């Protein structure tokens, strides 16, 4: 399966099918190609749908969506640079105890530490305020000191 086929199918159906999900889950080469593709091109509708699809699968009773796959979808969405997407990534981190512990908090911070904190501080929703409190604690502990390297195009994230 290639990226052009995946994107074509998505734009024809407005959904990401089980076959595509299975390929992304199991094909490391495809995961790397997806990462490199989205480092160069934008398709936010696909990125949002990918993360929503993975979140939906993770919430199902069988719960067969590993945190690493959620992190790939979060990373791809973060590459689009829309600060409001930090809340979608926080949603993925907050699915359950395992994703809260296993999904890197750095993914929420794709827009920068100060920018994300300022955005969340301006929001009034409970999830935004929960994220803000958590992020401030993480920042105080130095969790974001290597953020530039985490999102560097020269770095392949560990979860690929």
C-alpha atoms as a PDB file:
ATOM      1  CA  UNK A   1       0.000   0.000   0.000  1.00  0.00           C
ATOM      2  CA  UNK A   2       1.336   3.445  -0.848  1.00  0.00           C
ATOM      3  CA  UNK A   3       0.585   6.933   0.423  1.00  0.00           C
ATOM      4  CA  UNK A   4      -1.076   8.101  -2.794  1.00  0.00           C
ATOM      5  CA  UNK A   5      -3.552   5.209  -2.582  1.00  0.00           C
ATOM      6  CA  UNK A   6      -4.199   5.853   1.111  1.00  0.00           C
ATOM      7  CA  UNK A   7      -4.882   9.554   0.508  1.00  0.00           C
ATOM      8  CA  UNK A   8      -6.963   8.909  -2.619  1.00  0.00           C
ATOM      9  CA  UNK A   9      -9.121   6.379  -0.754  1.00  0.00           C
ATOM     10  CA  UNK A  10      -9.532   8.775   2.155  1.00  0.00           C
ATOM     11  CA  UNK A  11     -10.589  11.679  -0.033  1.00  0.00           C
ATOM     12  CA  UNK A  12     -13.083   9.460  -1.890  1.00  0.00           C
ATOM     13  CA  UNK A  13     -14.703   8.030   1.255  1.00  0.00           C
ATOM     14  CA  UNK A  14     -13.811  10.555   3.970  1.00  0.00           C
ATOM     15  CA  UNK A  15     -12.778   7.704   6.222  1.00  0.00           C
ATOM     16  CA  UNK A  16      -9.736   5.574   6.884  1.00  0.00           C
ATOM     17  CA  UNK A  17     -10.522   1.922   6.393  1.00  0.00           C
ATOM     18  CA  UNK A  18      -9.499  -1.112   8.388  1.00  0.00           C
ATOM     19  CA  UNK A  19      -7.056  -2.252   5.699  1.00  0.00           C
ATOM     20  CA  UNK A  20      -5.228   1.090   5.852  1.00  0.00           C
ATOM     21  CA  UNK A  21      -5.161   0.986   9.652  1.00  0.00           C
ATOM     22  CA  UNK A  22      -3.706  -2.531   9.565  1.00  0.00           C
ATOM     23  CA  UNK A  23      -0.986  -1.461   7.132  1.00  0.00           C
ATOM     24  CA  UNK A  24      -0.055   1.531   9.259  1.00  0.00           C
ATOM     25  CA  UNK A  25       0.014  -0.670  12.370  1.00  0.00           C
ATOM     26  CA  UNK A  26       2.308  -3.289  10.865  1.00  0.00           C
ATOM     27  CA  UNK A  27       4.412  -1.736   8.095  1.00  0.00           C
ATOM     28  CA  UNK A  28       7.344   0.230   9.536  1.00  0.00           C
ATOM     29  CA  UNK A  29       8.429   1.363   6.073  1.00  0.00           C
ATOM     30  CA  UNK A  30       4.954   2.824   5.469  1.00  0.00           C
ATOM     31  CA  UNK A  31       5.096   4.583   8.844  1.00  0.00           C
ATOM     32  CA  UNK A  32       8.421   6.186   7.891  1.00  0.00           C
ATOM     33  CA  UNK A  33       7.078   7.185   4.472  1.00  0.00           C
ATOM     34  CA  UNK A  34       3.987   8.740   6.094  1.00  0.00           C
ATOM     35  CA  UNK A  35       6.155  10.729   8.470  1.00  0.00           C
ATOM     36  CA  UNK A  36       8.397  11.976   5.661  1.00  0.00           C
ATOM     37  CA  UNK A  37       5.407  12.780   3.441  1.00  0.00           C
ATOM     38  CA  UNK A  38       3.737  14.926   6.084  1.00  0.00           C
ATOM     39  CA  UNK A  39       6.983  16.672   6.925  1.00  0.00           C
ATOM     40  CA  UNK A  40       6.800  18.039   3.377  1.00  0.00           C
ATOM     41  CA  UNK A  41       3.078  18.241   2.550  1.00  0.00           C
ATOM     42  CA  UNK A  42      -0.111  19.205   4.317  1.00  0.00           C
ATOM     43  CA  UNK A  43      -3.372  17.274   4.506  1.00  0.00           C
ATOM     44  CA  UNK A  44      -4.890  18.257   7.817  1.00  0.00           C
ATOM     45  CA  UNK A  45      -8.235  16.606   7.047  1.00  0.00           C
ATOM     46  CA  UNK A  46      -6.452  13.264   6.700  1.00  0.00           C
ATOM     47  CA  UNK A  47      -4.303  13.860   9.792  1.00  0.00           C
ATOM     48  CA  UNK A  48      -7.346  14.700  11.936  1.00  0.00           C
ATOM     49  CA  UNK A  49      -9.266  11.714  10.619  1.00  0.00           C
ATOM     50  CA  UNK A  50      -6.308   9.409  11.219  1.00  0.00           C
ATOM     51  CA  UNK A  51      -6.066  10.464  14.846  1.00  0.00           C
ATOM     52  CA  UNK A  52      -9.852  10.306  15.320  1.00  0.00           C
ATOM     53  CA  UNK A  53      -9.875   6.808  13.803  1.00  0.00           C
ATOM     54  CA  UNK A  54      -7.067   5.640  16.072  1.00  0.00           C
ATOM     55  CA  UNK A  55      -8.743   7.205  19.129  1.00  0.00           C
ATOM     56  CA  UNK A  56     -11.991   5.420  18.233  1.00  0.00           C
ATOM     57  CA  UNK A  57     -10.228   2.082  17.930  1.00  0.00           C
ATOM     58  CA  UNK A  58      -8.408   2.623  21.227  1.00  0.00           C
ATOM     59  CA  UNK A  59     -11.725   3.307  22.978  1.00  0.00           C
ATOM     60  CA  UNK A  60     -13.259   0.030  21.779  1.00  0.00           C
ATOM     61  CA  UNK A  61     -13.456  -2.866  24.246  1.00  0.00           C
ATOM     62  CA  UNK A  62     -10.805  -4.875  22.344  1.00  0.00           C
ATOM     63  CA  UNK A  63      -8.482  -1.879  22.680  1.00  0.00           C
ATOM     64  CA  UNK A  64      -6.055  -3.043  19.976  1.00  0.00           C
ATOM     65  CA  UNK A  65      -4.530   0.346  19.191  1.00  0.00           C
ATOM     66  CA  UNK A  66      -1.020   0.633  20.644  1.00  0.00           C
ATOM     67  CA  UNK A  67       0.111   3.953  22.085  1.00  0.00           C
ATOM     68  CA  UNK A  68       2.907   4.019  19.493  1.00  0.00           C
ATOM     69  CA  UNK A  69       0.343   4.169  16.679  1.00  0.00           C
ATOM     70  CA  UNK A  70      -1.552   6.932  18.439  1.00  0.00           C
ATOM     71  CA  UNK A  71       1.739   8.792  18.806  1.00  0.00           C
ATOM     72  CA  UNK A  72       2.425   8.512  15.070  1.00  0.00           C
ATOM     73  CA  UNK A  73      -1.003   9.995  14.328  1.00  0.00           C
ATOM     74  CA  UNK A  74      -0.423  12.756  16.905  1.00  0.00           C
ATOM     75  CA  UNK A  75       2.969  13.566  15.405  1.00  0.00           C
ATOM     76  CA  UNK A  76       1.516  13.757  11.891  1.00  0.00           C
ATOM     77  CA  UNK A  77      -1.246  16.065  13.100  1.00  0.00           C
ATOM     78  CA  UNK A  78       1.260  18.243  14.963  1.00  0.00           C
ATOM     79  CA  UNK A  79       3.259  18.682  11.765  1.00  0.00           C
ATOM     80  CA  UNK A  80       0.348  20.735  10.425  1.00  0.00           C
ATOM     81  CA  UNK A  81       1.059  23.439  13.009  1.00  0.00           C
ATOM     82  CA  UNK A  82      -2.493  24.309  14.086  1.00  0.00           C
ATOM     83  CA  UNK A  83      -2.191  25.174  17.790  1.00  0.00           C
ATOM     84  CA  UNK A  84      -5.786  24.144  18.513  1.00  0.00           C
ATOM     85  CA  UNK A  85      -4.838  20.576  17.605  1.00  0.00           C
ATOM     86  CA  UNK A  86      -2.975  20.338  20.913  1.00  0.00           C
ATOM     87  CA  UNK A  87      -6.401  19.619  22.435  1.00  0.00           C
ATOM     88  CA  UNK A  88      -7.000  16.727  20.020  1.00  0.00           C
ATOM     89  CA  UNK A  89      -3.613  15.294  20.972  1.00  0.00           C
ATOM     90  CA  UNK A  90      -4.464  15.815  24.661  1.00  0.00           C
ATOM     91  CA  UNK A  91      -7.663  13.850  23.997  1.00  0.00           C
ATOM     92  CA  UNK A  92      -5.555  10.959  22.706  1.00  0.00           C
ATOM     93  CA  UNK A  93      -3.282  11.163  25.738  1.00  0.00           C
ATOM     94  CA  UNK A  94      -6.340  11.136  28.023  1.00  0.00           C
ATOM     95  CA  UNK A  95      -8.126   8.079  26.600  1.00  0.00           C
ATOM     96  CA  UNK A  96      -7.098   5.785  29.428  1.00  0.00           C
ATOM     97  CA  UNK A  97      -4.420   5.249  32.045  1.00  0.00           C
ATOM     98  CA  UNK A  98      -2.052   3.516  29.630  1.00  0.00           C
ATOM     99  CA  UNK A  99      -2.201   6.266  27.009  1.00  0.00           C
ATOM    100  CA  UNK A 100      -1.843   8.901  29.694  1.00  0.00           C
ATOM    101  CA  UNK A 101       1.370   7.228  30.843  1.00  0.00           C
ATOM    102  CA  UNK A 102       2.605   6.036  27.449  1.00  0.00           C
ATOM    103  CA  UNK A 103       1.855   8.854  25.026  1.00  0.00           C
ATOM    104  CA  UNK A 104       4.659  11.420  25.096  1.00  0.00           C
ATOM    105  CA  UNK A 105       3.532  14.779  26.489  1.00  0.00           C
ATOM    106  CA  UNK A 106       5.955  16.404  24.054  1.00  0.00           C
ATOM    107  CA  UNK A 107       3.461  15.636  21.274  1.00  0.00           C
ATOM    108  CA  UNK A 108       0.993  18.117  22.770  1.00  0.00           C
ATOM    109  CA  UNK A 109       3.686  20.789  22.581  1.00  0.00           C
ATOM    110  CA  UNK A 110       4.294  20.734  18.806  1.00  0.00           C
ATOM    111  CA  UNK A 111       3.503  24.464  18.647  1.00  0.00           C
ATOM    112  CA  UNK A 112       6.039  25.409  21.296  1.00  0.00           C
ATOM    113  CA  UNK A 113       5.865  25.519  25.074  1.00  0.00           C
ATOM    114  CA  UNK A 114       4.868  29.153  25.556  1.00  0.00           C
ATOM    115  CA  UNK A 115       2.483  29.131  22.606  1.00  0.00           C
ATOM    116  CA  UNK A 116       0.704  26.012  23.854  1.00  0.00           C
ATOM    117  CA  UNK A 117       0.492  27.290  27.427  1.00  0.00           C
ATOM    118  CA  UNK A 118      -0.904  30.633  26.205  1.00  0.00           C
ATOM    119  CA  UNK A 119      -3.437  28.906  23.975  1.00  0.00           C
ATOM    120  CA  UNK A 120      -4.621  26.573  26.737  1.00  0.00           C
ATOM    121  CA  UNK A 121      -4.777  29.411  29.266  1.00  0.00           C
ATOM    122  CA  UNK A 122      -7.232  31.214  26.980  1.00  0.00           C
ATOM    123  CA  UNK A 123      -9.532  28.180  26.812  1.00  0.00           C
ATOM    124  CA  UNK A 124     -12.333  27.585  29.301  1.00  0.00           C
ATOM    125  CA  UNK A 125     -13.020  23.877  28.795  1.00  0.00           C
ATOM    126  CA  UNK A 126     -12.158  21.322  31.454  1.00  0.00           C
ATOM    127  CA  UNK A 127      -9.836  19.344  29.145  1.00  0.00           C
ATOM    128  CA  UNK A 128      -7.899  22.503  28.277  1.00  0.00           C
ATOM    129  CA  UNK A 129      -7.491  23.427  31.929  1.00  0.00           C
ATOM    130  CA  UNK A 130      -6.448  19.866  32.852  1.00  0.00           C
ATOM    131  CA  UNK A 131      -3.878  19.898  30.042  1.00  0.00           C
ATOM    132  CA  UNK A 132      -2.599  23.290  31.162  1.00  0.00           C
ATOM    133  CA  UNK A 133      -2.031  22.140  34.755  1.00  0.00           C
ATOM    134  CA  UNK A 134      -0.291  18.966  33.618  1.00  0.00           C
ATOM    135  CA  UNK A 135       1.885  20.814  31.088  1.00  0.00           C
ATOM    136  CA  UNK A 136       2.969  23.395  33.649  1.00  0.00           C
ATOM    137  CA  UNK A 137       4.122  20.583  35.970  1.00  0.00           C
ATOM    138  CA  UNK A 138       5.955  18.869  33.116  1.00  0.00           C
ATOM    139  CA  UNK A 139       7.588  22.128  32.084  1.00  0.00           C
ATOM    140  CA  UNK A 140       8.797  22.761  35.634  1.00  0.00           C
ATOM    141  CA  UNK A 141      10.405  19.293  35.598  1.00  0.00           C
ATOM    142  CA  UNK A 142      12.263  20.005  32.334  1.00  0.00           C
ATOM    143  CA  UNK A 143      10.238  17.617  30.169  1.00  0.00           C
ATOM    144  CA  UNK A 144      10.337  20.057  27.258  1.00  0.00           C
ATOM    145  CA  UNK A 145      14.025  20.931  27.321  1.00  0.00           C
ATOM    146  CA  UNK A 146      14.695  18.789  24.211  1.00  0.00           C
ATOM    147  CA  UNK A 147      11.564  19.782  22.311  1.00  0.00           C
ATOM    148  CA  UNK A 148      13.425  21.150  19.269  1.00  0.00           C
ATOM    149  CA  UNK A 149      15.227  17.839  18.801  1.00  0.00           C
ATOM    150  CA  UNK A 150      12.006  15.871  19.383  1.00  0.00           C
ATOM    151  CA  UNK A 151      10.422  17.582  16.353  1.00  0.00           C
ATOM    152  CA  UNK A 152      13.608  17.917  14.296  1.00  0.00           C
ATOM    153  CA  UNK A 153      13.374  16.601  10.717  1.00  0.00           C
ATOM    154  CA  UNK A 154      16.740  14.942  11.331  1.00  0.00           C
ATOM    155  CA  UNK A 155      15.294  12.874  14.171  1.00  0.00           C
ATOM    156  CA  UNK A 156      13.135   9.829  13.564  1.00  0.00           C
ATOM    157  CA  UNK A 157      10.802   9.504  16.533  1.00  0.00           C
ATOM    158  CA  UNK A 158      11.280   6.349  18.590  1.00  0.00           C
ATOM    159  CA  UNK A 159       7.691   5.207  17.971  1.00  0.00           C
ATOM    160  CA  UNK A 160       8.067   4.873  14.216  1.00  0.00           C
END
